[in-house]
């Protein structure tokens, strides 16, 4: 039985992303630049009785309007680390979580 059926978590991060890839500016790629702004990540975390695990559904919004909200977003790994830390603070082990 889960400790709680549903959790929600969000955080805003500053980012700087070199495009089209890291190192493009030093490689002198035409049009290469660094994009910066803020991105807000949110997670809805709900208990799935069938799986016996919490499922995490993540969304993000780029406030700098450099990236769409589809696919990988800036600071995603940082957010995942923070979600795990948050859930651990709630007494939920990472083995109880699926994405």
PDB file of N, CA and C in Angstrom:
ATOM      1  N   UNK A   1       0.851  -1.191   0.000  1.00  0.00           N
ATOM      2  CA  UNK A   1       0.000   0.000   0.000  1.00  0.00           C
ATOM      3  C   UNK A   1       0.888   1.243   0.000  1.00  0.00           C
ATOM      4  N   UNK A   2       0.579   2.218  -0.857  1.00  0.00           N
ATOM      5  CA  UNK A   2       1.401   3.424  -0.926  1.00  0.00           C
ATOM      6  C   UNK A   2       1.226   4.282   0.327  1.00  0.00           C
ATOM      7  N   UNK A   3       2.212   5.114   0.576  1.00  0.00           N
ATOM      8  CA  UNK A   3       2.113   6.045   1.697  1.00  0.00           C
ATOM      9  C   UNK A   3       1.080   7.113   1.395  1.00  0.00           C
ATOM     10  N   UNK A   4       1.001   7.484   0.128  1.00  0.00           N
ATOM     11  CA  UNK A   4       0.056   8.493  -0.341  1.00  0.00           C
ATOM     12  C   UNK A   4      -0.216   8.155  -1.805  1.00  0.00           C
ATOM     13  N   UNK A   5      -1.415   8.392  -2.283  1.00  0.00           N
ATOM     14  CA  UNK A   5      -1.766   8.043  -3.659  1.00  0.00           C
ATOM     15  C   UNK A   5      -1.147   8.974  -4.698  1.00  0.00           C
ATOM     16  N   UNK A   6      -0.933  10.233  -4.316  1.00  0.00           N
ATOM     17  CA  UNK A   6      -0.547  11.237  -5.316  1.00  0.00           C
ATOM     18  C   UNK A   6       0.381  12.277  -4.699  1.00  0.00           C
ATOM     19  N   UNK A   7       1.411  12.639  -5.457  1.00  0.00           N
ATOM     20  CA  UNK A   7       2.320  13.717  -5.086  1.00  0.00           C
ATOM     21  C   UNK A   7       2.485  14.632  -6.300  1.00  0.00           C
ATOM     22  N   UNK A   8       2.870  15.850  -6.046  1.00  0.00           N
ATOM     23  CA  UNK A   8       3.216  16.755  -7.121  1.00  0.00           C
ATOM     24  C   UNK A   8       4.482  17.498  -6.714  1.00  0.00           C
ATOM     25  N   UNK A   9       5.321  17.784  -7.688  1.00  0.00           N
ATOM     26  CA  UNK A   9       6.581  18.462  -7.412  1.00  0.00           C
ATOM     27  C   UNK A   9       6.935  19.335  -8.604  1.00  0.00           C
ATOM     28  N   UNK A  10       7.472  20.518  -8.352  1.00  0.00           N
ATOM     29  CA  UNK A  10       7.939  21.375  -9.446  1.00  0.00           C
ATOM     30  C   UNK A  10       9.127  22.200  -8.967  1.00  0.00           C
ATOM     31  N   UNK A  11       9.912  22.642  -9.938  1.00  0.00           N
ATOM     32  CA  UNK A  11      11.075  23.464  -9.642  1.00  0.00           C
ATOM     33  C   UNK A  11      11.443  24.248 -10.899  1.00  0.00           C
ATOM     34  N   UNK A  12      11.992  25.435 -10.704  1.00  0.00           N
ATOM     35  CA  UNK A  12      12.438  26.281 -11.809  1.00  0.00           C
ATOM     36  C   UNK A  12      13.960  26.375 -11.762  1.00  0.00           C
ATOM     37  N   UNK A  13      14.569  26.264 -12.939  1.00  0.00           N
ATOM     38  CA  UNK A  13      16.022  26.266 -13.066  1.00  0.00           C
ATOM     39  C   UNK A  13      16.441  27.298 -14.106  1.00  0.00           C
ATOM     40  N   UNK A  14      17.614  27.895 -13.886  1.00  0.00           N
ATOM     41  CA  UNK A  14      18.242  28.708 -14.913  1.00  0.00           C
ATOM     42  C   UNK A  14      19.062  27.770 -15.791  1.00  0.00           C
ATOM     43  N   UNK A  15      19.118  28.057 -17.092  1.00  0.00           N
ATOM     44  CA  UNK A  15      19.913  27.223 -17.975  1.00  0.00           C
ATOM     45  C   UNK A  15      20.717  28.057 -18.954  1.00  0.00           C
ATOM     46  N   UNK A  16      21.781  27.462 -19.432  1.00  0.00           N
ATOM     47  CA  UNK A  16      22.569  27.963 -20.557  1.00  0.00           C
ATOM     48  C   UNK A  16      22.890  26.752 -21.401  1.00  0.00           C
ATOM     49  N   UNK A  17      22.406  26.725 -22.629  1.00  0.00           N
ATOM     50  CA  UNK A  17      22.593  25.592 -23.534  1.00  0.00           C
ATOM     51  C   UNK A  17      23.279  26.071 -24.803  1.00  0.00           C
ATOM     52  N   UNK A  18      24.393  25.455 -25.121  1.00  0.00           N
ATOM     53  CA  UNK A  18      25.090  25.774 -26.359  1.00  0.00           C
ATOM     54  C   UNK A  18      24.449  24.966 -27.483  1.00  0.00           C
ATOM     55  N   UNK A  19      24.076  25.641 -28.559  1.00  0.00           N
ATOM     56  CA  UNK A  19      23.433  24.978 -29.695  1.00  0.00           C
ATOM     57  C   UNK A  19      24.218  25.276 -30.959  1.00  0.00           C
ATOM     58  N   UNK A  20      24.292  24.405 -31.917  1.00  0.00           N
ATOM     59  CA  UNK A  20      23.532  23.164 -32.016  1.00  0.00           C
ATOM     60  C   UNK A  20      24.059  22.023 -31.146  1.00  0.00           C
ATOM     61  N   UNK A  21      25.250  22.159 -30.551  1.00  0.00           N
ATOM     62  CA  UNK A  21      25.766  21.147 -29.632  1.00  0.00           C
ATOM     63  C   UNK A  21      26.825  21.789 -28.750  1.00  0.00           C
ATOM     64  N   UNK A  22      27.136  21.146 -27.638  1.00  0.00           N
ATOM     65  CA  UNK A  22      28.170  21.650 -26.743  1.00  0.00           C
ATOM     66  C   UNK A  22      29.507  21.599 -27.476  1.00  0.00           C
ATOM     67  N   UNK A  23      30.180  22.710 -27.515  1.00  0.00           N
ATOM     68  CA  UNK A  23      31.458  22.811 -28.205  1.00  0.00           C
ATOM     69  C   UNK A  23      31.360  23.428 -29.586  1.00  0.00           C
ATOM     70  N   UNK A  24      30.154  23.725 -30.032  1.00  0.00           N
ATOM     71  CA  UNK A  24      29.954  24.277 -31.375  1.00  0.00           C
ATOM     72  C   UNK A  24      30.611  25.654 -31.534  1.00  0.00           C
ATOM     73  N   UNK A  25      30.574  26.459 -30.490  1.00  0.00           N
ATOM     74  CA  UNK A  25      31.175  27.788 -30.575  1.00  0.00           C
ATOM     75  C   UNK A  25      32.688  27.661 -30.746  1.00  0.00           C
ATOM     76  N   UNK A  26      33.299  26.799 -29.941  1.00  0.00           N
ATOM     77  CA  UNK A  26      34.754  26.623 -30.065  1.00  0.00           C
ATOM     78  C   UNK A  26      35.131  25.940 -31.378  1.00  0.00           C
ATOM     79  N   UNK A  27      34.190  25.156 -31.945  1.00  0.00           N
ATOM     80  CA  UNK A  27      34.420  24.542 -33.262  1.00  0.00           C
ATOM     81  C   UNK A  27      34.158  25.526 -34.401  1.00  0.00           C
ATOM     82  N   UNK A  28      33.738  26.746 -34.036  1.00  0.00           N
ATOM     83  CA  UNK A  28      33.455  27.814 -35.003  1.00  0.00           C
ATOM     84  C   UNK A  28      32.342  27.434 -35.997  1.00  0.00           C
ATOM     85  N   UNK A  29      31.324  26.731 -35.497  1.00  0.00           N
ATOM     86  CA  UNK A  29      30.169  26.364 -36.310  1.00  0.00           C
ATOM     87  C   UNK A  29      29.346  27.624 -36.572  1.00  0.00           C
ATOM     88  N   UNK A  30      29.033  27.869 -37.834  1.00  0.00           N
ATOM     89  CA  UNK A  30      28.248  29.046 -38.201  1.00  0.00           C
ATOM     90  C   UNK A  30      26.883  28.998 -37.522  1.00  0.00           C
ATOM     91  N   UNK A  31      26.514  30.099 -36.881  1.00  0.00           N
ATOM     92  CA  UNK A  31      25.220  30.197 -36.217  1.00  0.00           C
ATOM     93  C   UNK A  31      25.202  29.617 -34.811  1.00  0.00           C
ATOM     94  N   UNK A  32      26.303  29.047 -34.357  1.00  0.00           N
ATOM     95  CA  UNK A  32      26.346  28.486 -33.003  1.00  0.00           C
ATOM     96  C   UNK A  32      26.178  29.608 -31.987  1.00  0.00           C
ATOM     97  N   UNK A  33      25.448  29.326 -30.937  1.00  0.00           N
ATOM     98  CA  UNK A  33      25.186  30.336 -29.916  1.00  0.00           C
ATOM     99  C   UNK A  33      24.871  29.652 -28.591  1.00  0.00           C
ATOM    100  N   UNK A  34      24.788  30.439 -27.546  1.00  0.00           N
ATOM    101  CA  UNK A  34      24.376  29.950 -26.237  1.00  0.00           C
ATOM    102  C   UNK A  34      23.011  30.543 -25.924  1.00  0.00           C
ATOM    103  N   UNK A  35      22.061  29.670 -25.648  1.00  0.00           N
ATOM    104  CA  UNK A  35      20.714  30.086 -25.271  1.00  0.00           C
ATOM    105  C   UNK A  35      20.615  30.064 -23.757  1.00  0.00           C
ATOM    106  N   UNK A  36      19.992  31.057 -23.177  1.00  0.00           N
ATOM    107  CA  UNK A  36      19.831  31.072 -21.731  1.00  0.00           C
ATOM    108  C   UNK A  36      18.417  31.494 -21.376  1.00  0.00           C
ATOM    109  N   UNK A  37      17.988  31.065 -20.210  1.00  0.00           N
ATOM    110  CA  UNK A  37      16.653  31.387 -19.733  1.00  0.00           C
ATOM    111  C   UNK A  37      16.313  30.573 -18.513  1.00  0.00           C
ATOM    112  N   UNK A  38      15.047  30.502 -18.217  1.00  0.00           N
ATOM    113  CA  UNK A  38      14.533  29.717 -17.097  1.00  0.00           C
ATOM    114  C   UNK A  38      13.590  28.654 -17.636  1.00  0.00           C
ATOM    115  N   UNK A  39      13.610  27.493 -16.987  1.00  0.00           N
ATOM    116  CA  UNK A  39      12.702  26.418 -17.335  1.00  0.00           C
ATOM    117  C   UNK A  39      12.056  25.903 -16.054  1.00  0.00           C
ATOM    118  N   UNK A  40      10.754  25.703 -16.096  1.00  0.00           N
ATOM    119  CA  UNK A  40      10.036  25.146 -14.956  1.00  0.00           C
ATOM    120  C   UNK A  40       9.626  23.715 -15.300  1.00  0.00           C
ATOM    121  N   UNK A  41      10.052  22.796 -14.456  1.00  0.00           N
ATOM    122  CA  UNK A  41       9.690  21.390 -14.580  1.00  0.00           C
ATOM    123  C   UNK A  41       8.646  21.064 -13.533  1.00  0.00           C
ATOM    124  N   UNK A  42       7.684  20.221 -13.906  1.00  0.00           N
ATOM    125  CA  UNK A  42       6.653  19.756 -12.977  1.00  0.00           C
ATOM    126  C   UNK A  42       6.499  18.250 -13.115  1.00  0.00           C
ATOM    127  N   UNK A  43       6.161  17.609 -12.006  1.00  0.00           N
ATOM    128  CA  UNK A  43       5.938  16.171 -12.016  1.00  0.00           C
ATOM    129  C   UNK A  43       4.655  15.854 -11.264  1.00  0.00           C
ATOM    130  N   UNK A  44       3.823  15.039 -11.888  1.00  0.00           N
ATOM    131  CA  UNK A  44       2.666  14.450 -11.234  1.00  0.00           C
ATOM    132  C   UNK A  44       3.050  13.012 -10.947  1.00  0.00           C
ATOM    133  N   UNK A  45       2.989  12.621  -9.707  1.00  0.00           N
ATOM    134  CA  UNK A  45       3.470  11.316  -9.270  1.00  0.00           C
ATOM    135  C   UNK A  45       2.289  10.583  -8.644  1.00  0.00           C
ATOM    136  N   UNK A  46       1.876   9.496  -9.266  1.00  0.00           N
ATOM    137  CA  UNK A  46       0.695   8.793  -8.760  1.00  0.00           C
ATOM    138  C   UNK A  46       0.975   7.305  -8.609  1.00  0.00           C
ATOM    139  N   UNK A  47       0.311   6.713  -7.636  1.00  0.00           N
ATOM    140  CA  UNK A  47       0.462   5.302  -7.341  1.00  0.00           C
ATOM    141  C   UNK A  47      -0.276   4.474  -8.388  1.00  0.00           C
ATOM    142  N   UNK A  48       0.411   3.496  -8.975  1.00  0.00           N
ATOM    143  CA  UNK A  48      -0.196   2.563  -9.922  1.00  0.00           C
ATOM    144  C   UNK A  48      -0.305   1.224  -9.218  1.00  0.00           C
ATOM    145  N   UNK A  49      -1.512   0.876  -8.844  1.00  0.00           N
ATOM    146  CA  UNK A  49      -1.764  -0.354  -8.075  1.00  0.00           C
ATOM    147  C   UNK A  49      -1.310  -1.586  -8.838  1.00  0.00           C
ATOM    148  N   UNK A  50      -1.544  -1.613 -10.155  1.00  0.00           N
ATOM    149  CA  UNK A  50      -1.183  -2.763 -10.975  1.00  0.00           C
ATOM    150  C   UNK A  50       0.326  -2.995 -10.977  1.00  0.00           C
ATOM    151  N   UNK A  51       1.090  -1.921 -11.142  1.00  0.00           N
ATOM    152  CA  UNK A  51       2.551  -2.030 -11.159  1.00  0.00           C
ATOM    153  C   UNK A  51       3.145  -2.128  -9.762  1.00  0.00           C
ATOM    154  N   UNK A  52       2.403  -1.643  -8.775  1.00  0.00           N
ATOM    155  CA  UNK A  52       2.939  -1.589  -7.420  1.00  0.00           C
ATOM    156  C   UNK A  52       4.056  -0.573  -7.310  1.00  0.00           C
ATOM    157  N   UNK A  53       3.966   0.494  -8.117  1.00  0.00           N
ATOM    158  CA  UNK A  53       4.979   1.543  -8.143  1.00  0.00           C
ATOM    159  C   UNK A  53       4.312   2.896  -8.371  1.00  0.00           C
ATOM    160  N   UNK A  54       5.086   3.926  -8.074  1.00  0.00           N
ATOM    161  CA  UNK A  54       4.652   5.268  -8.424  1.00  0.00           C
ATOM    162  C   UNK A  54       5.071   5.552  -9.859  1.00  0.00           C
ATOM    163  N   UNK A  55       4.176   6.150 -10.626  1.00  0.00           N
ATOM    164  CA  UNK A  55       4.481   6.585 -11.988  1.00  0.00           C
ATOM    165  C   UNK A  55       4.655   8.095 -11.980  1.00  0.00           C
ATOM    166  N   UNK A  56       5.660   8.551 -12.726  1.00  0.00           N
ATOM    167  CA  UNK A  56       5.962   9.978 -12.790  1.00  0.00           C
ATOM    168  C   UNK A  56       5.675  10.477 -14.199  1.00  0.00           C
ATOM    169  N   UNK A  57       4.836  11.502 -14.292  1.00  0.00           N
ATOM    170  CA  UNK A  57       4.546  12.167 -15.556  1.00  0.00           C
ATOM    171  C   UNK A  57       5.120  13.577 -15.451  1.00  0.00           C
ATOM    172  N   UNK A  58       6.078  13.897 -16.339  1.00  0.00           N
ATOM    173  CA  UNK A  58       6.767  15.184 -16.266  1.00  0.00           C
ATOM    174  C   UNK A  58       6.372  16.094 -17.428  1.00  0.00           C
ATOM    175  N   UNK A  59       6.295  17.378 -17.125  1.00  0.00           N
ATOM    176  CA  UNK A  59       6.094  18.408 -18.142  1.00  0.00           C
ATOM    177  C   UNK A  59       7.079  19.538 -17.849  1.00  0.00           C
ATOM    178  N   UNK A  60       7.320  20.361 -18.880  1.00  0.00           N
ATOM    179  CA  UNK A  60       8.211  21.495 -18.672  1.00  0.00           C
ATOM    180  C   UNK A  60       7.816  22.647 -19.570  1.00  0.00           C
ATOM    181  N   UNK A  61       8.176  23.846 -19.097  1.00  0.00           N
ATOM    182  CA  UNK A  61       7.908  25.076 -19.832  1.00  0.00           C
ATOM    183  C   UNK A  61       9.183  25.900 -19.853  1.00  0.00           C
ATOM    184  N   UNK A  62       9.614  26.260 -21.044  1.00  0.00           N
ATOM    185  CA  UNK A  62      10.782  27.106 -21.208  1.00  0.00           C
ATOM    186  C   UNK A  62      10.322  28.555 -21.234  1.00  0.00           C
ATOM    187  N   UNK A  63      10.650  29.305 -20.205  1.00  0.00           N
ATOM    188  CA  UNK A  63      10.225  30.700 -20.111  1.00  0.00           C
ATOM    189  C   UNK A  63      11.030  31.610 -21.036  1.00  0.00           C
ATOM    190  N   UNK A  64      12.146  31.096 -21.554  1.00  0.00           N
ATOM    191  CA  UNK A  64      12.941  31.858 -22.509  1.00  0.00           C
ATOM    192  C   UNK A  64      12.477  31.651 -23.934  1.00  0.00           C
ATOM    193  N   UNK A  65      11.530  30.719 -24.136  1.00  0.00           N
ATOM    194  CA  UNK A  65      10.963  30.407 -25.449  1.00  0.00           C
ATOM    195  C   UNK A  65      12.012  29.993 -26.477  1.00  0.00           C
ATOM    196  N   UNK A  66      13.048  29.298 -26.030  1.00  0.00           N
ATOM    197  CA  UNK A  66      14.062  28.791 -26.938  1.00  0.00           C
ATOM    198  C   UNK A  66      13.761  27.360 -27.379  1.00  0.00           C
ATOM    199  N   UNK A  67      13.058  26.621 -26.536  1.00  0.00           N
ATOM    200  CA  UNK A  67      12.788  25.215 -26.795  1.00  0.00           C
ATOM    201  C   UNK A  67      11.289  24.967 -26.729  1.00  0.00           C
ATOM    202  N   UNK A  68      10.811  23.987 -27.508  1.00  0.00           N
ATOM    203  CA  UNK A  68       9.407  23.591 -27.386  1.00  0.00           C
ATOM    204  C   UNK A  68       9.300  22.712 -26.146  1.00  0.00           C
ATOM    205  N   UNK A  69       8.097  22.384 -25.739  1.00  0.00           N
ATOM    206  CA  UNK A  69       7.922  21.546 -24.552  1.00  0.00           C
ATOM    207  C   UNK A  69       7.811  20.064 -24.905  1.00  0.00           C
ATOM    208  N   UNK A  70       8.321  19.688 -26.070  1.00  0.00           N
ATOM    209  CA  UNK A  70       8.264  18.305 -26.520  1.00  0.00           C
ATOM    210  C   UNK A  70       9.662  17.708 -26.422  1.00  0.00           C
ATOM    211  N   UNK A  71       9.755  16.499 -25.905  1.00  0.00           N
ATOM    212  CA  UNK A  71      11.039  15.818 -25.821  1.00  0.00           C
ATOM    213  C   UNK A  71      11.853  16.268 -24.630  1.00  0.00           C
ATOM    214  N   UNK A  72      13.164  16.059 -24.744  1.00  0.00           N
ATOM    215  CA  UNK A  72      14.076  16.433 -23.669  1.00  0.00           C
ATOM    216  C   UNK A  72      14.133  17.933 -23.521  1.00  0.00           C
ATOM    217  N   UNK A  73      14.194  18.372 -22.293  1.00  0.00           N
ATOM    218  CA  UNK A  73      14.286  19.798 -22.041  1.00  0.00           C
ATOM    219  C   UNK A  73      15.531  20.130 -21.253  1.00  0.00           C
ATOM    220  N   UNK A  74      15.863  21.405 -21.202  1.00  0.00           N
ATOM    221  CA  UNK A  74      17.024  21.811 -20.432  1.00  0.00           C
ATOM    222  C   UNK A  74      16.845  21.497 -18.954  1.00  0.00           C
ATOM    223  N   UNK A  75      17.900  21.044 -18.333  1.00  0.00           N
ATOM    224  CA  UNK A  75      17.954  20.743 -16.899  1.00  0.00           C
ATOM    225  C   UNK A  75      17.111  19.539 -16.504  1.00  0.00           C
ATOM    226  N   UNK A  76      16.801  18.661 -17.457  1.00  0.00           N
ATOM    227  CA  UNK A  76      15.985  17.485 -17.146  1.00  0.00           C
ATOM    228  C   UNK A  76      16.661  16.574 -16.125  1.00  0.00           C
ATOM    229  N   UNK A  77      17.950  16.345 -16.284  1.00  0.00           N
ATOM    230  CA  UNK A  77      18.651  15.469 -15.334  1.00  0.00           C
ATOM    231  C   UNK A  77      18.647  16.063 -13.931  1.00  0.00           C
ATOM    232  N   UNK A  78      18.824  17.375 -13.834  1.00  0.00           N
ATOM    233  CA  UNK A  78      18.776  18.036 -12.529  1.00  0.00           C
ATOM    234  C   UNK A  78      17.408  17.840 -11.891  1.00  0.00           C
ATOM    235  N   UNK A  79      16.362  17.975 -12.706  1.00  0.00           N
ATOM    236  CA  UNK A  79      15.009  17.813 -12.192  1.00  0.00           C
ATOM    237  C   UNK A  79      14.773  16.381 -11.721  1.00  0.00           C
ATOM    238  N   UNK A  80      15.213  15.405 -12.490  1.00  0.00           N
ATOM    239  CA  UNK A  80      15.045  14.004 -12.077  1.00  0.00           C
ATOM    240  C   UNK A  80      15.735  13.743 -10.743  1.00  0.00           C
ATOM    241  N   UNK A  81      16.933  14.270 -10.588  1.00  0.00           N
ATOM    242  CA  UNK A  81      17.636  14.128  -9.304  1.00  0.00           C
ATOM    243  C   UNK A  81      16.821  14.748  -8.177  1.00  0.00           C
ATOM    244  N   UNK A  82      16.242  15.914  -8.431  1.00  0.00           N
ATOM    245  CA  UNK A  82      15.446  16.596  -7.413  1.00  0.00           C
ATOM    246  C   UNK A  82      14.151  15.840  -7.103  1.00  0.00           C
ATOM    247  N   UNK A  83      13.538  15.231  -8.120  1.00  0.00           N
ATOM    248  CA  UNK A  83      12.324  14.435  -7.888  1.00  0.00           C
ATOM    249  C   UNK A  83      12.659  13.244  -6.993  1.00  0.00           C
ATOM    250  N   UNK A  84      13.753  12.548  -7.314  1.00  0.00           N
ATOM    251  CA  UNK A  84      14.170  11.415  -6.472  1.00  0.00           C
ATOM    252  C   UNK A  84      14.419  11.864  -5.034  1.00  0.00           C
ATOM    253  N   UNK A  85      15.110  12.992  -4.871  1.00  0.00           N
ATOM    254  CA  UNK A  85      15.381  13.507  -3.519  1.00  0.00           C
ATOM    255  C   UNK A  85      14.080  13.839  -2.796  1.00  0.00           C
ATOM    256  N   UNK A  86      13.151  14.469  -3.517  1.00  0.00           N
ATOM    257  CA  UNK A  86      11.857  14.812  -2.919  1.00  0.00           C
ATOM    258  C   UNK A  86      11.126  13.550  -2.474  1.00  0.00           C
ATOM    259  N   UNK A  87      11.073  12.542  -3.350  1.00  0.00           N
ATOM    260  CA  UNK A  87      10.364  11.320  -3.000  1.00  0.00           C
ATOM    261  C   UNK A  87      11.041  10.597  -1.839  1.00  0.00           C
ATOM    262  N   UNK A  88      12.366  10.605  -1.819  1.00  0.00           N
ATOM    263  CA  UNK A  88      13.076  10.001  -0.693  1.00  0.00           C
ATOM    264  C   UNK A  88      12.732  10.718   0.605  1.00  0.00           C
ATOM    265  N   UNK A  89      12.570  12.039   0.548  1.00  0.00           N
ATOM    266  CA  UNK A  89      12.200  12.798   1.747  1.00  0.00           C
ATOM    267  C   UNK A  89      10.786  12.443   2.212  1.00  0.00           C
ATOM    268  N   UNK A  90       9.993  11.871   1.302  1.00  0.00           N
ATOM    269  CA  UNK A  90       8.639  11.426   1.624  1.00  0.00           C
ATOM    270  C   UNK A  90       8.635   9.956   2.054  1.00  0.00           C
ATOM    271  N   UNK A  91       9.826   9.336   2.111  1.00  0.00           N
ATOM    272  CA  UNK A  91       9.936   7.945   2.522  1.00  0.00           C
ATOM    273  C   UNK A  91       9.753   6.947   1.398  1.00  0.00           C
ATOM    274  N   UNK A  92       9.896   7.402   0.146  1.00  0.00           N
ATOM    275  CA  UNK A  92       9.696   6.533  -1.017  1.00  0.00           C
ATOM    276  C   UNK A  92      11.048   6.215  -1.639  1.00  0.00           C
ATOM    277  N   UNK A  93      11.371   4.935  -1.745  1.00  0.00           N
ATOM    278  CA  UNK A  93      12.624   4.484  -2.318  1.00  0.00           C
ATOM    279  C   UNK A  93      12.561   4.582  -3.831  1.00  0.00           C
ATOM    280  N   UNK A  94      13.693   4.866  -4.472  1.00  0.00           N
ATOM    281  CA  UNK A  94      13.731   5.024  -5.940  1.00  0.00           C
ATOM    282  C   UNK A  94      13.290   3.756  -6.676  1.00  0.00           C
ATOM    283  N   UNK A  95      13.402   2.604  -6.035  1.00  0.00           N
ATOM    284  CA  UNK A  95      12.944   1.347  -6.648  1.00  0.00           C
ATOM    285  C   UNK A  95      11.421   1.275  -6.743  1.00  0.00           C
ATOM    286  N   UNK A  96      10.727   2.145  -6.053  1.00  0.00           N
ATOM    287  CA  UNK A  96       9.271   2.193  -6.087  1.00  0.00           C
ATOM    288  C   UNK A  96       8.768   3.168  -7.151  1.00  0.00           C
ATOM    289  N   UNK A  97       9.675   3.704  -7.998  1.00  0.00           N
ATOM    290  CA  UNK A  97       9.320   4.754  -8.935  1.00  0.00           C
ATOM    291  C   UNK A  97       9.649   4.328 -10.354  1.00  0.00           C
ATOM    292  N   UNK A  98       8.718   4.618 -11.289  1.00  0.00           N
ATOM    293  CA  UNK A  98       8.935   4.367 -12.707  1.00  0.00           C
ATOM    294  C   UNK A  98       8.581   5.618 -13.498  1.00  0.00           C
ATOM    295  N   UNK A  99       9.284   5.793 -14.635  1.00  0.00           N
ATOM    296  CA  UNK A  99       9.031   6.972 -15.480  1.00  0.00           C
ATOM    297  C   UNK A  99       8.449   6.535 -16.799  1.00  0.00           C
TER     298      UNK A  99
END
